[in-house]
C-alpha atoms as a PDB file:
ATOM      1  CA  MET A   1       0.000   0.000   0.000  1.00  0.00           C
ATOM      2  CA  GLY A   2       1.270   3.391  -1.010  1.00  0.00           C
ATOM      3  CA  GLY A   3      -0.301   5.480   1.708  1.00  0.00           C
ATOM      4  CA  PHE A   4      -2.534   5.662   4.734  1.00  0.00           C
ATOM      5  CA  PHE A   5      -5.754   5.983   2.730  1.00  0.00           C
ATOM      6  CA  SER A   6      -6.631   3.650  -0.092  1.00  0.00           C
ATOM      7  CA  ARG A   7      -7.241   5.148  -3.503  1.00  0.00           C
ATOM      8  CA  HIS A   8     -10.869   4.017  -3.338  1.00  0.00           C
ATOM      9  CA  ILE A   9     -11.505   5.975  -0.126  1.00  0.00           C
ATOM     10  CA  VAL A  10      -9.829   9.103  -1.492  1.00  0.00           C
ATOM     11  CA  LEU A  11     -11.909   8.971  -4.690  1.00  0.00           C
ATOM     12  CA  GLN A  12     -15.076   8.406  -2.667  1.00  0.00           C
ATOM     13  CA  VAL A  13     -14.342  11.426  -0.464  1.00  0.00           C
ATOM     14  CA  LEU A  14     -13.560  13.612  -3.472  1.00  0.00           C
ATOM     15  CA  ARG A  15     -16.818  12.530  -5.133  1.00  0.00           C
ATOM     16  CA  ASP A  16     -18.757  13.419  -1.974  1.00  0.00           C
ATOM     17  CA  ILE A  17     -17.069  16.831  -1.759  1.00  0.00           C
ATOM     18  CA  VAL A  18     -17.848  17.635  -5.397  1.00  0.00           C
ATOM     19  CA  THR A  19     -21.457  16.545  -4.912  1.00  0.00           C
ATOM     20  CA  CYS A  20     -21.845  18.776  -1.863  1.00  0.00           C
ATOM     21  CA  ILE A  21     -20.280  21.796  -3.556  1.00  0.00           C
ATOM     22  CA  GLY A  22     -22.401  21.529  -6.685  1.00  0.00           C
ATOM     23  CA  PHE A  23     -20.039  21.871  -9.627  1.00  0.00           C
ATOM     24  CA  THR A  24     -21.857  22.826 -12.802  1.00  0.00           C
ATOM     25  CA  GLY A  25     -21.278  20.237 -15.487  1.00  0.00           C
ATOM     26  CA  ILE A  26     -20.353  17.538 -12.973  1.00  0.00           C
ATOM     27  CA  ASP A  27     -23.362  17.060 -10.735  1.00  0.00           C
ATOM     28  CA  GLN A  28     -25.541  19.819 -12.158  1.00  0.00           C
ATOM     29  CA  GLU A  29     -26.575  20.396 -15.750  1.00  0.00           C
ATOM     30  CA  TYR A  30     -24.808  23.285 -17.465  1.00  0.00           C
ATOM     31  CA  GLU A  31     -27.038  26.276 -18.125  1.00  0.00           C
ATOM     32  CA  HIS A  32     -25.915  28.997 -20.520  1.00  0.00           C
ATOM     33  CA  PRO A  33     -25.875  32.413 -18.808  1.00  0.00           C
ATOM     34  CA  SER A  34     -28.575  34.750 -20.064  1.00  0.00           C
ATOM     35  CA  HIS A  35     -26.275  37.798 -19.828  1.00  0.00           C
ATOM     36  CA  PRO A  36     -22.600  36.720 -19.702  1.00  0.00           C
ATOM     37  CA  GLU A  37     -20.139  39.287 -18.395  1.00  0.00           C
ATOM     38  CA  LEU A  38     -17.477  38.155 -20.828  1.00  0.00           C
ATOM     39  CA  ILE A  39     -17.453  36.286 -24.121  1.00  0.00           C
ATOM     40  CA  LEU A  40     -14.033  35.168 -25.323  1.00  0.00           C
ATOM     41  CA  LYS A  41     -13.847  34.578 -29.067  1.00  0.00           C
ATOM     42  CA  ALA A  42     -10.892  32.216 -28.949  1.00  0.00           C
ATOM     43  CA  GLY A  43     -11.307  31.239 -32.595  1.00  0.00           C
ATOM     44  CA  GLU A  44     -11.130  34.848 -33.732  1.00  0.00           C
ATOM     45  CA  GLN A  45      -8.730  36.396 -31.213  1.00  0.00           C
ATOM     46  CA  SER A  46      -5.258  35.497 -30.042  1.00  0.00           C
ATOM     47  CA  VAL A  47      -4.616  33.972 -26.648  1.00  0.00           C
ATOM     48  CA  ASP A  48      -3.045  37.278 -25.544  1.00  0.00           C
ATOM     49  CA  GLU A  49      -6.168  39.219 -26.518  1.00  0.00           C
ATOM     50  CA  CYS A  50      -8.401  36.779 -24.625  1.00  0.00           C
ATOM     51  CA  VAL A  51      -6.170  36.967 -21.559  1.00  0.00           C
ATOM     52  CA  GLN A  52      -6.210  40.780 -21.696  1.00  0.00           C
ATOM     53  CA  GLN A  53     -10.018  40.777 -21.767  1.00  0.00           C
ATOM     54  CA  LEU A  54     -10.178  38.386 -18.808  1.00  0.00           C
ATOM     55  CA  VAL A  55      -7.632  40.349 -16.771  1.00  0.00           C
ATOM     56  CA  HIS A  56      -9.486  43.587 -17.523  1.00  0.00           C
ATOM     57  CA  LEU A  57     -12.754  42.078 -16.267  1.00  0.00           C
ATOM     58  CA  LEU A  58     -11.116  40.753 -13.096  1.00  0.00           C
ATOM     59  CA  VAL A  59      -9.272  43.999 -12.344  1.00  0.00           C
ATOM     60  CA  THR A  60     -12.456  45.988 -12.904  1.00  0.00           C
ATOM     61  CA  ARG A  61     -14.419  43.670 -10.630  1.00  0.00           C
ATOM     62  CA  VAL A  62     -11.778  43.672  -7.875  1.00  0.00           C
ATOM     63  CA  SER A  63     -11.480  47.458  -8.106  1.00  0.00           C
ATOM     64  CA  HIS A  64     -15.255  47.820  -7.849  1.00  0.00           C
ATOM     65  CA  ASP A  65     -15.447  45.393  -4.904  1.00  0.00           C
ATOM     66  CA  TYR A  66     -12.575  47.196  -3.150  1.00  0.00           C
ATOM     67  CA  ASN A  67     -14.178  50.612  -3.646  1.00  0.00           C
ATOM     68  CA  THR A  68     -17.613  49.480  -2.462  1.00  0.00           C
ATOM     69  CA  ASP A  69     -16.204  47.224   0.252  1.00  0.00           C
ATOM     70  CA  THR A  70     -18.390  44.294  -0.830  1.00  0.00           C
ATOM     71  CA  CYS A  71     -16.184  41.355  -1.674  1.00  0.00           C
ATOM     72  CA  GLU A  72     -18.251  38.257  -2.414  1.00  0.00           C
END
């Protein structure tokens, strides 16, 4: 045996954790957002352009949360 816990027990615990958390696409059906905050056109834009859009969204959101003092 390689460790204290068997692989079966570890996988069972991970499955239970994922089920409790509720990961979309794993234990819940994926639902398309009605009004997405960001749409990355990876087939039309470079990786750098997509990353810049994502970083801009995150920085804007963090800045807004910091200024309004409402981090979620």
